[in-house]
Amino acid sequence: GVGVGTGSGLAQRGYRVIVPIDCLSSEDPYNEQYAAWHMFKGGPAV
């Protein structure tokens, strides 16, 4: 939610986004795995 939503908003505004994966949590491991991959490689190039 906030990791992908705000992280993407930052990146699209030209900020460098630092994603410490041990400081971002979800309800379950799958959501964290999906979100980490989205920010690393699965999301838009920007």
All heavy atoms as atom14 arrays in JSON, in Angstrom:
{
  "sequence": "GVGVGTGSGLAQRGYRVIVPIDCLSSEDPYNEQYAAWHMFKGGPAV",
  "atom14_mask": [
    [1, 1, 1, 1, 0, 0, 0, 0, 0, 0, 0, 0, 0, 0],
    [1, 1, 1, 1, 1, 1, 1, 0, 0, 0, 0, 0, 0, 0],
    [1, 1, 1, 1, 0, 0, 0, 0, 0, 0, 0, 0, 0, 0],
    [1, 1, 1, 1, 1, 1, 1, 0, 0, 0, 0, 0, 0, 0],
    [1, 1, 1, 1, 0, 0, 0, 0, 0, 0, 0, 0, 0, 0],
    [1, 1, 1, 1, 1, 1, 1, 0, 0, 0, 0, 0, 0, 0],
    [1, 1, 1, 1, 0, 0, 0, 0, 0, 0, 0, 0, 0, 0],
    [1, 1, 1, 1, 1, 1, 0, 0, 0, 0, 0, 0, 0, 0],
    [1, 1, 1, 1, 0, 0, 0, 0, 0, 0, 0, 0, 0, 0],
    [1, 1, 1, 1, 1, 1, 1, 1, 0, 0, 0, 0, 0, 0],
    [1, 1, 1, 1, 1, 0, 0, 0, 0, 0, 0, 0, 0, 0],
    [1, 1, 1, 1, 1, 1, 1, 1, 1, 0, 0, 0, 0, 0],
    [1, 1, 1, 1, 1, 1, 1, 1, 1, 1, 1, 0, 0, 0],
    [1, 1, 1, 1, 0, 0, 0, 0, 0, 0, 0, 0, 0, 0],
    [1, 1, 1, 1, 1, 1, 1, 1, 1, 1, 1, 1, 0, 0],
    [1, 1, 1, 1, 1, 1, 1, 1, 1, 1, 1, 0, 0, 0],
    [1, 1, 1, 1, 1, 1, 1, 0, 0, 0, 0, 0, 0, 0],
    [1, 1, 1, 1, 1, 1, 1, 1, 0, 0, 0, 0, 0, 0],
    [1, 1, 1, 1, 1, 1, 1, 0, 0, 0, 0, 0, 0, 0],
    [1, 1, 1, 1, 1, 1, 1, 0, 0, 0, 0, 0, 0, 0],
    [1, 1, 1, 1, 1, 1, 1, 1, 0, 0, 0, 0, 0, 0],
    [1, 1, 1, 1, 1, 1, 1, 1, 0, 0, 0, 0, 0, 0],
    [1, 1, 1, 1, 1, 1, 0, 0, 0, 0, 0, 0, 0, 0],
    [1, 1, 1, 1, 1, 1, 1, 1, 0, 0, 0, 0, 0, 0],
    [1, 1, 1, 1, 1, 1, 0, 0, 0, 0, 0, 0, 0, 0],
    [1, 1, 1, 1, 1, 1, 0, 0, 0, 0, 0, 0, 0, 0],
    [1, 1, 1, 1, 1, 1, 1, 1, 1, 0, 0, 0, 0, 0],
    [1, 1, 1, 1, 1, 1, 1, 1, 0, 0, 0, 0, 0, 0],
    [1, 1, 1, 1, 1, 1, 1, 0, 0, 0, 0, 0, 0, 0],
    [1, 1, 1, 1, 1, 1, 1, 1, 1, 1, 1, 1, 0, 0],
    [1, 1, 1, 1, 1, 1, 1, 1, 0, 0, 0, 0, 0, 0],
    [1, 1, 1, 1, 1, 1, 1, 1, 1, 0, 0, 0, 0, 0],
    [1, 1, 1, 1, 1, 1, 1, 1, 1, 0, 0, 0, 0, 0],
    [1, 1, 1, 1, 1, 1, 1, 1, 1, 1, 1, 1, 0, 0],
    [1, 1, 1, 1, 1, 0, 0, 0, 0, 0, 0, 0, 0, 0],
    [1, 1, 1, 1, 1, 0, 0, 0, 0, 0, 0, 0, 0, 0],
    [1, 1, 1, 1, 1, 1, 1, 1, 1, 1, 1, 1, 1, 1],
    [1, 1, 1, 1, 1, 1, 1, 1, 1, 1, 0, 0, 0, 0],
    [1, 1, 1, 1, 1, 1, 1, 1, 0, 0, 0, 0, 0, 0],
    [1, 1, 1, 1, 1, 1, 1, 1, 1, 1, 1, 0, 0, 0],
    [1, 1, 1, 1, 1, 1, 1, 1, 1, 0, 0, 0, 0, 0],
    [1, 1, 1, 1, 0, 0, 0, 0, 0, 0, 0, 0, 0, 0],
    [1, 1, 1, 1, 0, 0, 0, 0, 0, 0, 0, 0, 0, 0],
    [1, 1, 1, 1, 1, 1, 1, 0, 0, 0, 0, 0, 0, 0],
    [1, 1, 1, 1, 1, 0, 0, 0, 0, 0, 0, 0, 0, 0],
    [1, 1, 1, 1, 1, 1, 1, 0, 0, 0, 0, 0, 0, 0]
  ],
  "atom14_positions": [
    [[0.82, -1.2, 0.0], [0.0, 0.0, 0.0], [0.86, 1.25, 0.0], [1.16, 1.81, -1.04], [0.0, 0.0, 0.0], [0.0, 0.0, 0.0], [0.0, 0.0, 0.0], [0.0, 0.0, 0.0], [0.0, 0.0, 0.0], [0.0, 0.0, 0.0], [0.0, 0.0, 0.0], [0.0, 0.0, 0.0], [0.0, 0.0, 0.0], [0.0, 0.0, 0.0]],
    [[1.29, 1.68, 1.2], [2.07, 2.92, 1.28], [3.46, 2.76, 0.67], [4.02, 3.73, 0.15], [2.18, 3.4, 2.74], [0.82, 3.75, 3.29], [2.89, 2.38, 3.62], [0.0, 0.0, 0.0], [0.0, 0.0, 0.0], [0.0, 0.0, 0.0], [0.0, 0.0, 0.0], [0.0, 0.0, 0.0], [0.0, 0.0, 0.0], [0.0, 0.0, 0.0]],
    [[4.03, 1.55, 0.74], [5.36, 1.37, 0.16], [5.36, 1.56, -1.34], [6.13, 2.35, -1.89], [0.0, 0.0, 0.0], [0.0, 0.0, 0.0], [0.0, 0.0, 0.0], [0.0, 0.0, 0.0], [0.0, 0.0, 0.0], [0.0, 0.0, 0.0], [0.0, 0.0, 0.0], [0.0, 0.0, 0.0], [0.0, 0.0, 0.0], [0.0, 0.0, 0.0]],
    [[4.46, 0.85, -2.01], [4.35, 0.97, -3.47], [3.69, 2.29, -3.86], [4.15, 2.98, -4.77], [3.56, -0.22, -4.05], [3.25, 0.01, -5.53], [4.35, -1.52, -3.88], [0.0, 0.0, 0.0], [0.0, 0.0, 0.0], [0.0, 0.0, 0.0], [0.0, 0.0, 0.0], [0.0, 0.0, 0.0], [0.0, 0.0, 0.0], [0.0, 0.0, 0.0]],
    [[2.62, 2.67, -3.16], [1.89, 3.88, -3.54], [2.72, 5.14, -3.39], [2.85, 5.94, -4.32], [0.0, 0.0, 0.0], [0.0, 0.0, 0.0], [0.0, 0.0, 0.0], [0.0, 0.0, 0.0], [0.0, 0.0, 0.0], [0.0, 0.0, 0.0], [0.0, 0.0, 0.0], [0.0, 0.0, 0.0], [0.0, 0.0, 0.0], [0.0, 0.0, 0.0]],
    [[3.33, 5.33, -2.22], [4.13, 6.53, -1.99], [5.49, 6.41, -2.66], [6.01, 7.4, -3.2], [4.29, 6.78, -0.48], [3.0, 6.87, 0.12], [5.04, 8.07, -0.22], [0.0, 0.0, 0.0], [0.0, 0.0, 0.0], [0.0, 0.0, 0.0], [0.0, 0.0, 0.0], [0.0, 0.0, 0.0], [0.0, 0.0, 0.0], [0.0, 0.0, 0.0]],
    [[6.07, 5.21, -2.65], [7.35, 5.02, -3.33], [7.24, 5.33, -4.81], [8.11, 6.0, -5.38], [0.0, 0.0, 0.0], [0.0, 0.0, 0.0], [0.0, 0.0, 0.0], [0.0, 0.0, 0.0], [0.0, 0.0, 0.0], [0.0, 0.0, 0.0], [0.0, 0.0, 0.0], [0.0, 0.0, 0.0], [0.0, 0.0, 0.0], [0.0, 0.0, 0.0]],
    [[6.17, 4.86, -5.44], [5.97, 5.15, -6.87], [5.73, 6.64, -7.09], [6.25, 7.23, -8.05], [4.78, 4.36, -7.4], [5.02, 2.97, -7.34], [0.0, 0.0, 0.0], [0.0, 0.0, 0.0], [0.0, 0.0, 0.0], [0.0, 0.0, 0.0], [0.0, 0.0, 0.0], [0.0, 0.0, 0.0], [0.0, 0.0, 0.0], [0.0, 0.0, 0.0]],
    [[4.96, 7.26, -6.2], [4.73, 8.7, -6.32], [6.01, 9.5, -6.22], [6.21, 10.47, -6.94], [0.0, 0.0, 0.0], [0.0, 0.0, 0.0], [0.0, 0.0, 0.0], [0.0, 0.0, 0.0], [0.0, 0.0, 0.0], [0.0, 0.0, 0.0], [0.0, 0.0, 0.0], [0.0, 0.0, 0.0], [0.0, 0.0, 0.0], [0.0, 0.0, 0.0]],
    [[6.89, 9.08, -5.32], [8.2, 9.74, -5.19], [9.03, 9.58, -6.46], [9.59, 10.56, -6.98], [8.95, 9.15, -4.0], [8.45, 9.54, -2.62], [8.95, 8.56, -1.57], [8.9, 10.96, -2.27], [0.0, 0.0, 0.0], [0.0, 0.0, 0.0], [0.0, 0.0, 0.0], [0.0, 0.0, 0.0], [0.0, 0.0, 0.0], [0.0, 0.0, 0.0]],
    [[9.12, 8.34, -6.94], [9.96, 8.07, -8.12], [9.46, 8.84, -9.33], [10.26, 9.38, -10.1], [9.96, 6.57, -8.39], [0.0, 0.0, 0.0], [0.0, 0.0, 0.0], [0.0, 0.0, 0.0], [0.0, 0.0, 0.0], [0.0, 0.0, 0.0], [0.0, 0.0, 0.0], [0.0, 0.0, 0.0], [0.0, 0.0, 0.0], [0.0, 0.0, 0.0]],
    [[8.15, 8.92, -9.49], [7.6, 9.62, -10.65], [7.79, 11.13, -10.55], [7.68, 11.84, -11.56], [6.12, 9.27, -10.8], [5.91, 7.82, -11.21], [4.44, 7.45, -11.3], [3.76, 7.77, -12.29], [3.94, 6.8, -10.28], [0.0, 0.0, 0.0], [0.0, 0.0, 0.0], [0.0, 0.0, 0.0], [0.0, 0.0, 0.0], [0.0, 0.0, 0.0]],
    [[8.08, 11.62, -9.35], [8.38, 13.04, -9.18], [9.88, 13.31, -9.2], [10.31, 14.43, -8.94], [7.78, 13.54, -7.86], [6.25, 13.65, -7.89], [5.69, 13.89, -6.5], [4.26, 14.19, -6.52], [3.3, 13.27, -6.59], [3.64, 11.97, -6.64], [2.03, 13.62, -6.6], [0.0, 0.0, 0.0], [0.0, 0.0, 0.0], [0.0, 0.0, 0.0]],
    [[10.67, 12.29, -9.49], [12.1, 12.48, -9.66], [12.95, 12.26, -8.43], [14.16, 12.5, -8.45], [0.0, 0.0, 0.0], [0.0, 0.0, 0.0], [0.0, 0.0, 0.0], [0.0, 0.0, 0.0], [0.0, 0.0, 0.0], [0.0, 0.0, 0.0], [0.0, 0.0, 0.0], [0.0, 0.0, 0.0], [0.0, 0.0, 0.0], [0.0, 0.0, 0.0]],
    [[12.34, 11.8, -7.34], [13.12, 11.53, -6.13], [13.8, 10.17, -6.23], [13.27, 9.24, -6.84], [12.22, 11.56, -4.89], [11.66, 12.92, -4.58], [10.38, 13.28, -5.01], [12.4, 13.85, -3.86], [9.86, 14.53, -4.72], [11.89, 15.1, -3.57], [10.62, 15.44, -4.01], [10.11, 16.68, -3.73], [0.0, 0.0, 0.0], [0.0, 0.0, 0.0]],
    [[14.94, 10.06, -5.6], [15.57, 8.76, -5.41], [14.9, 8.1, -4.22], [14.8, 8.69, -3.14], [17.07, 8.94, -5.15], [17.83, 7.64, -4.94], [19.25, 7.92, -4.5], [19.99, 6.69, -4.26], [21.13, 6.63, -3.58], [21.67, 7.74, -3.08], [21.72, 5.47, -3.4], [0.0, 0.0, 0.0], [0.0, 0.0, 0.0], [0.0, 0.0, 0.0]],
    [[14.43, 6.87, -4.41], [13.64, 6.19, -3.39], [14.47, 5.06, -2.78], [14.95, 4.16, -3.49], [12.34, 5.61, -3.97], [11.48, 5.02, -2.86], [11.57, 6.69, -4.73], [0.0, 0.0, 0.0], [0.0, 0.0, 0.0], [0.0, 0.0, 0.0], [0.0, 0.0, 0.0], [0.0, 0.0, 0.0], [0.0, 0.0, 0.0], [0.0, 0.0, 0.0]],
    [[14.64, 5.09, -1.46], [15.36, 4.04, -0.74], [14.32, 3.17, -0.04], [13.5, 3.67, 0.74], [16.35, 4.64, 0.27], [17.28, 5.64, -0.42], [17.14, 3.53, 0.96], [18.1, 5.07, -1.56], [0.0, 0.0, 0.0], [0.0, 0.0, 0.0], [0.0, 0.0, 0.0], [0.0, 0.0, 0.0], [0.0, 0.0, 0.0], [0.0, 0.0, 0.0]],
    [[14.38, 1.88, -0.32], [13.38, 0.93, 0.16], [14.05, -0.09, 1.09], [14.53, -1.12, 0.64], [12.7, 0.21, -1.02], [11.59, -0.72, -0.53], [12.15, 1.22, -2.03], [0.0, 0.0, 0.0], [0.0, 0.0, 0.0], [0.0, 0.0, 0.0], [0.0, 0.0, 0.0], [0.0, 0.0, 0.0], [0.0, 0.0, 0.0], [0.0, 0.0, 0.0]],
    [[14.1, 0.18, 2.4], [14.65, -0.8, 3.33], [13.6, -1.88, 3.6], [12.61, -1.64, 4.29], [14.95, 0.02, 4.58], [14.04, 1.19, 4.5], [13.72, 1.43, 3.06], [0.0, 0.0, 0.0], [0.0, 0.0, 0.0], [0.0, 0.0, 0.0], [0.0, 0.0, 0.0], [0.0, 0.0, 0.0], [0.0, 0.0, 0.0], [0.0, 0.0, 0.0]],
    [[13.8, -3.06, 3.04], [12.75, -4.08, 3.05], [12.43, -4.57, 4.46], [11.35, -5.13, 4.69], [13.09, -5.26, 2.14], [14.4, -5.92, 2.58], [13.17, -4.8, 0.69], [14.68, -7.24, 1.89], [0.0, 0.0, 0.0], [0.0, 0.0, 0.0], [0.0, 0.0, 0.0], [0.0, 0.0, 0.0], [0.0, 0.0, 0.0], [0.0, 0.0, 0.0]],
    [[13.34, -4.38, 5.41], [13.06, -4.81, 6.78], [12.35, -3.72, 7.59], [12.13, -3.88, 8.79], [14.35, -5.24, 7.49], [15.39, -4.14, 7.58], [15.33, -3.18, 6.78], [16.27, -4.22, 8.46], [0.0, 0.0, 0.0], [0.0, 0.0, 0.0], [0.0, 0.0, 0.0], [0.0, 0.0, 0.0], [0.0, 0.0, 0.0], [0.0, 0.0, 0.0]],
    [[11.98, -2.63, 6.94], [11.23, -1.55, 7.59], [9.86, -1.36, 6.94], [9.15, -0.39, 7.25], [12.0, -0.24, 7.51], [13.54, -0.25, 8.47], [0.0, 0.0, 0.0], [0.0, 0.0, 0.0], [0.0, 0.0, 0.0], [0.0, 0.0, 0.0], [0.0, 0.0, 0.0], [0.0, 0.0, 0.0], [0.0, 0.0, 0.0], [0.0, 0.0, 0.0]],
    [[9.51, -2.24, 6.03], [8.21, -2.2, 5.37], [7.55, -3.56, 5.52], [8.16, -4.59, 5.2], [8.37, -1.85, 3.88], [8.64, -0.38, 3.6], [9.42, -0.21, 2.31], [7.32, 0.39, 3.53], [0.0, 0.0, 0.0], [0.0, 0.0, 0.0], [0.0, 0.0, 0.0], [0.0, 0.0, 0.0], [0.0, 0.0, 0.0], [0.0, 0.0, 0.0]],
    [[6.33, -3.56, 6.01], [5.67, -4.83, 6.32], [4.3, -4.89, 5.66], [3.73, -3.88, 5.24], [5.51, -4.96, 7.84], [4.7, -3.91, 8.33], [0.0, 0.0, 0.0], [0.0, 0.0, 0.0], [0.0, 0.0, 0.0], [0.0, 0.0, 0.0], [0.0, 0.0, 0.0], [0.0, 0.0, 0.0], [0.0, 0.0, 0.0], [0.0, 0.0, 0.0]],
    [[3.78, -6.11, 5.61], [2.43, -6.33, 5.1], [1.71, -7.32, 6.01], [2.27, -7.8, 6.99], [2.49, -6.87, 3.66], [3.07, -5.93, 2.79], [0.0, 0.0, 0.0], [0.0, 0.0, 0.0], [0.0, 0.0, 0.0], [0.0, 0.0, 0.0], [0.0, 0.0, 0.0], [0.0, 0.0, 0.0], [0.0, 0.0, 0.0], [0.0, 0.0, 0.0]],
    [[0.49, -7.65, 5.63], [-0.28, -8.62, 6.4], [0.29, -10.03, 6.27], [0.07, -10.86, 7.14], [-1.74, -8.62, 5.93], [-2.43, -7.28, 6.06], [-2.25, -6.36, 4.87], [-1.26, -6.53, 4.09], [-3.07, -5.45, 4.71], [0.0, 0.0, 0.0], [0.0, 0.0, 0.0], [0.0, 0.0, 0.0], [0.0, 0.0, 0.0], [0.0, 0.0, 0.0]],
    [[0.97, -10.29, 5.15], [1.51, -11.63, 4.91], [2.74, -11.52, 4.02], [2.98, -10.49, 3.37], [0.45, -12.53, 4.27], [-0.07, -11.96, 2.96], [0.69, -11.91, 1.97], [-1.25, -11.54, 2.92], [0.0, 0.0, 0.0], [0.0, 0.0, 0.0], [0.0, 0.0, 0.0], [0.0, 0.0, 0.0], [0.0, 0.0, 0.0], [0.0, 0.0, 0.0]],
    [[3.56, -12.58, 3.95], [4.8, -12.53, 3.19], [4.6, -12.32, 1.7], [5.44, -11.69, 1.04], [5.45, -13.89, 3.47], [4.86, -14.34, 4.75], [3.46, -13.81, 4.76], [0.0, 0.0, 0.0], [0.0, 0.0, 0.0], [0.0, 0.0, 0.0], [0.0, 0.0, 0.0], [0.0, 0.0, 0.0], [0.0, 0.0, 0.0], [0.0, 0.0, 0.0]],
    [[3.51, -12.86, 1.14], [3.32, -12.72, -0.3], [3.2, -11.25, -0.71], [3.77, -10.83, -1.72], [2.09, -13.49, -0.79], [1.9, -13.36, -2.28], [2.67, -14.12, -3.17], [0.99, -12.44, -2.81], [2.52, -13.97, -4.54], [0.84, -12.29, -4.18], [1.61, -13.06, -5.04], [1.46, -12.9, -6.4], [0.0, 0.0, 0.0], [0.0, 0.0, 0.0]],
    [[2.44, -10.47, 0.05], [2.3, -9.05, -0.28], [3.64, -8.32, -0.2], [3.91, -7.43, -1.0], [1.29, -8.39, 0.66], [-0.14, -8.59, 0.22], [-0.43, -8.63, -0.97], [-1.04, -8.74, 1.17], [0.0, 0.0, 0.0], [0.0, 0.0, 0.0], [0.0, 0.0, 0.0], [0.0, 0.0, 0.0], [0.0, 0.0, 0.0], [0.0, 0.0, 0.0]],
    [[4.48, -8.7, 0.74], [5.81, -8.09, 0.83], [6.66, -8.51, -0.37], [7.4, -7.69, -0.93], [6.49, -8.5, 2.13], [5.85, -7.86, 3.36], [6.53, -8.28, 4.65], [7.73, -8.64, 4.6], [5.87, -8.25, 5.71], [0.0, 0.0, 0.0], [0.0, 0.0, 0.0], [0.0, 0.0, 0.0], [0.0, 0.0, 0.0], [0.0, 0.0, 0.0]],
    [[6.58, -9.77, -0.74], [7.35, -10.25, -1.89], [6.92, -9.52, -3.17], [7.77, -9.06, -3.95], [7.16, -11.76, -2.06], [7.99, -12.36, -3.18], [7.72, -13.84, -3.35], [6.57, -14.25, -3.53], [8.74, -14.65, -3.27], [0.0, 0.0, 0.0], [0.0, 0.0, 0.0], [0.0, 0.0, 0.0], [0.0, 0.0, 0.0], [0.0, 0.0, 0.0]],
    [[5.62, -9.43, -3.37], [5.1, -8.73, -4.54], [5.58, -7.28, -4.56], [6.04, -6.76, -5.59], [3.57, -8.77, -4.57], [2.94, -7.55, -5.16], [3.02, -7.29, -6.53], [2.33, -6.59, -4.35], [2.49, -6.14, -7.08], [1.79, -5.44, -4.88], [1.87, -5.22, -6.25], [1.36, -4.06, -6.78], [0.0, 0.0, 0.0], [0.0, 0.0, 0.0]],
    [[5.47, -6.6, -3.41], [5.81, -5.18, -3.34], [7.3, -4.96, -3.58], [7.7, -4.02, -4.28], [5.39, -4.6, -2.0], [0.0, 0.0, 0.0], [0.0, 0.0, 0.0], [0.0, 0.0, 0.0], [0.0, 0.0, 0.0], [0.0, 0.0, 0.0], [0.0, 0.0, 0.0], [0.0, 0.0, 0.0], [0.0, 0.0, 0.0], [0.0, 0.0, 0.0]],
    [[8.13, -5.81, -2.99], [9.58, -5.67, -3.18], [9.93, -5.86, -4.65], [10.74, -5.11, -5.22], [10.32, -6.69, -2.32], [0.0, 0.0, 0.0], [0.0, 0.0, 0.0], [0.0, 0.0, 0.0], [0.0, 0.0, 0.0], [0.0, 0.0, 0.0], [0.0, 0.0, 0.0], [0.0, 0.0, 0.0], [0.0, 0.0, 0.0], [0.0, 0.0, 0.0]],
    [[9.31, -6.85, -5.29], [9.61, -7.09, -6.71], [9.1, -5.94, -7.58], [9.76, -5.55, -8.55], [9.01, -8.42, -7.17], [9.39, -8.75, -8.57], [8.61, -8.7, -9.69], [10.69, -9.16, -9.03], [9.32, -9.05, -10.8], [10.61, -9.34, -10.42], [11.9, -9.39, -8.39], [11.7, -9.74, -11.19], [12.99, -9.79, -9.15], [12.88, -9.96, -10.53]],
    [[7.96, -5.38, -7.23], [7.42, -4.25, -7.99], [8.4, -3.08, -7.97], [8.67, -2.48, -9.02], [6.08, -3.82, -7.39], [5.43, -2.69, -8.12], [4.54, -2.87, -9.15], [5.54, -1.34, -7.96], [4.14, -1.7, -9.61], [4.73, -0.75, -8.9], [0.0, 0.0, 0.0], [0.0, 0.0, 0.0], [0.0, 0.0, 0.0], [0.0, 0.0, 0.0]],
    [[8.93, -2.76, -6.8], [9.85, -1.63, -6.69], [11.2, -1.93, -7.31], [11.89, -1.04, -7.81], [10.03, -1.23, -5.23], [8.75, -0.77, -4.53], [7.95, 0.66, -5.31], [9.18, 1.94, -5.01], [0.0, 0.0, 0.0], [0.0, 0.0, 0.0], [0.0, 0.0, 0.0], [0.0, 0.0, 0.0], [0.0, 0.0, 0.0], [0.0, 0.0, 0.0]],
    [[11.59, -3.21, -7.32], [12.91, -3.59, -7.84], [12.93, -3.73, -9.36], [13.81, -3.22, -10.03], [13.34, -4.9, -7.18], [14.65, -5.45, -7.7], [15.84, -4.79, -7.46], [14.67, -6.64, -8.42], [17.05, -5.3, -7.93], [15.87, -7.15, -8.89], [17.06, -6.48, -8.65], [0.0, 0.0, 0.0], [0.0, 0.0, 0.0], [0.0, 0.0, 0.0]],
    [[11.93, -4.44, -9.9], [11.98, -4.75, -11.34], [10.61, -4.81, -12.0], [10.49, -4.59, -13.19], [12.71, -6.07, -11.56], [13.08, -6.34, -13.0], [13.97, -7.57, -13.13], [14.38, -7.8, -14.57], [15.25, -9.0, -14.71], [0.0, 0.0, 0.0], [0.0, 0.0, 0.0], [0.0, 0.0, 0.0], [0.0, 0.0, 0.0], [0.0, 0.0, 0.0]],
    [[9.57, -5.15, -11.25], [8.28, -5.41, -11.86], [7.46, -4.18, -12.18], [6.54, -4.25, -13.0], [0.0, 0.0, 0.0], [0.0, 0.0, 0.0], [0.0, 0.0, 0.0], [0.0, 0.0, 0.0], [0.0, 0.0, 0.0], [0.0, 0.0, 0.0], [0.0, 0.0, 0.0], [0.0, 0.0, 0.0], [0.0, 0.0, 0.0], [0.0, 0.0, 0.0]],
    [[7.76, -3.05, -11.57], [6.97, -1.84, -11.79], [7.42, -1.08, -13.02], [8.32, -1.52, -13.76], [0.0, 0.0, 0.0], [0.0, 0.0, 0.0], [0.0, 0.0, 0.0], [0.0, 0.0, 0.0], [0.0, 0.0, 0.0], [0.0, 0.0, 0.0], [0.0, 0.0, 0.0], [0.0, 0.0, 0.0], [0.0, 0.0, 0.0], [0.0, 0.0, 0.0]],
    [[6.82, 0.08, -13.28], [7.22, 0.91, -14.42], [8.69, 1.3, -14.33], [9.25, 1.42, -13.24], [6.32, 2.14, -14.29], [5.17, 1.69, -13.45], [5.7, 0.67, -12.52], [0.0, 0.0, 0.0], [0.0, 0.0, 0.0], [0.0, 0.0, 0.0], [0.0, 0.0, 0.0], [0.0, 0.0, 0.0], [0.0, 0.0, 0.0], [0.0, 0.0, 0.0]],
    [[9.31, 1.52, -15.47], [10.74, 1.83, -15.52], [11.09, 3.06, -14.7], [12.14, 3.12, -14.05], [11.19, 2.02, -16.96], [0.0, 0.0, 0.0], [0.0, 0.0, 0.0], [0.0, 0.0, 0.0], [0.0, 0.0, 0.0], [0.0, 0.0, 0.0], [0.0, 0.0, 0.0], [0.0, 0.0, 0.0], [0.0, 0.0, 0.0], [0.0, 0.0, 0.0]],
    [[10.21, 4.07, -14.68], [10.48, 5.28, -13.91], [10.55, 4.97, -12.42], [11.26, 5.66, -11.67], [9.43, 6.37, -14.2], [8.06, 5.97, -13.66], [9.85, 7.72, -13.64], [0.0, 0.0, 0.0], [0.0, 0.0, 0.0], [0.0, 0.0, 0.0], [0.0, 0.0, 0.0], [0.0, 0.0, 0.0], [0.0, 0.0, 0.0], [0.0, 0.0, 0.0]]
  ]
}
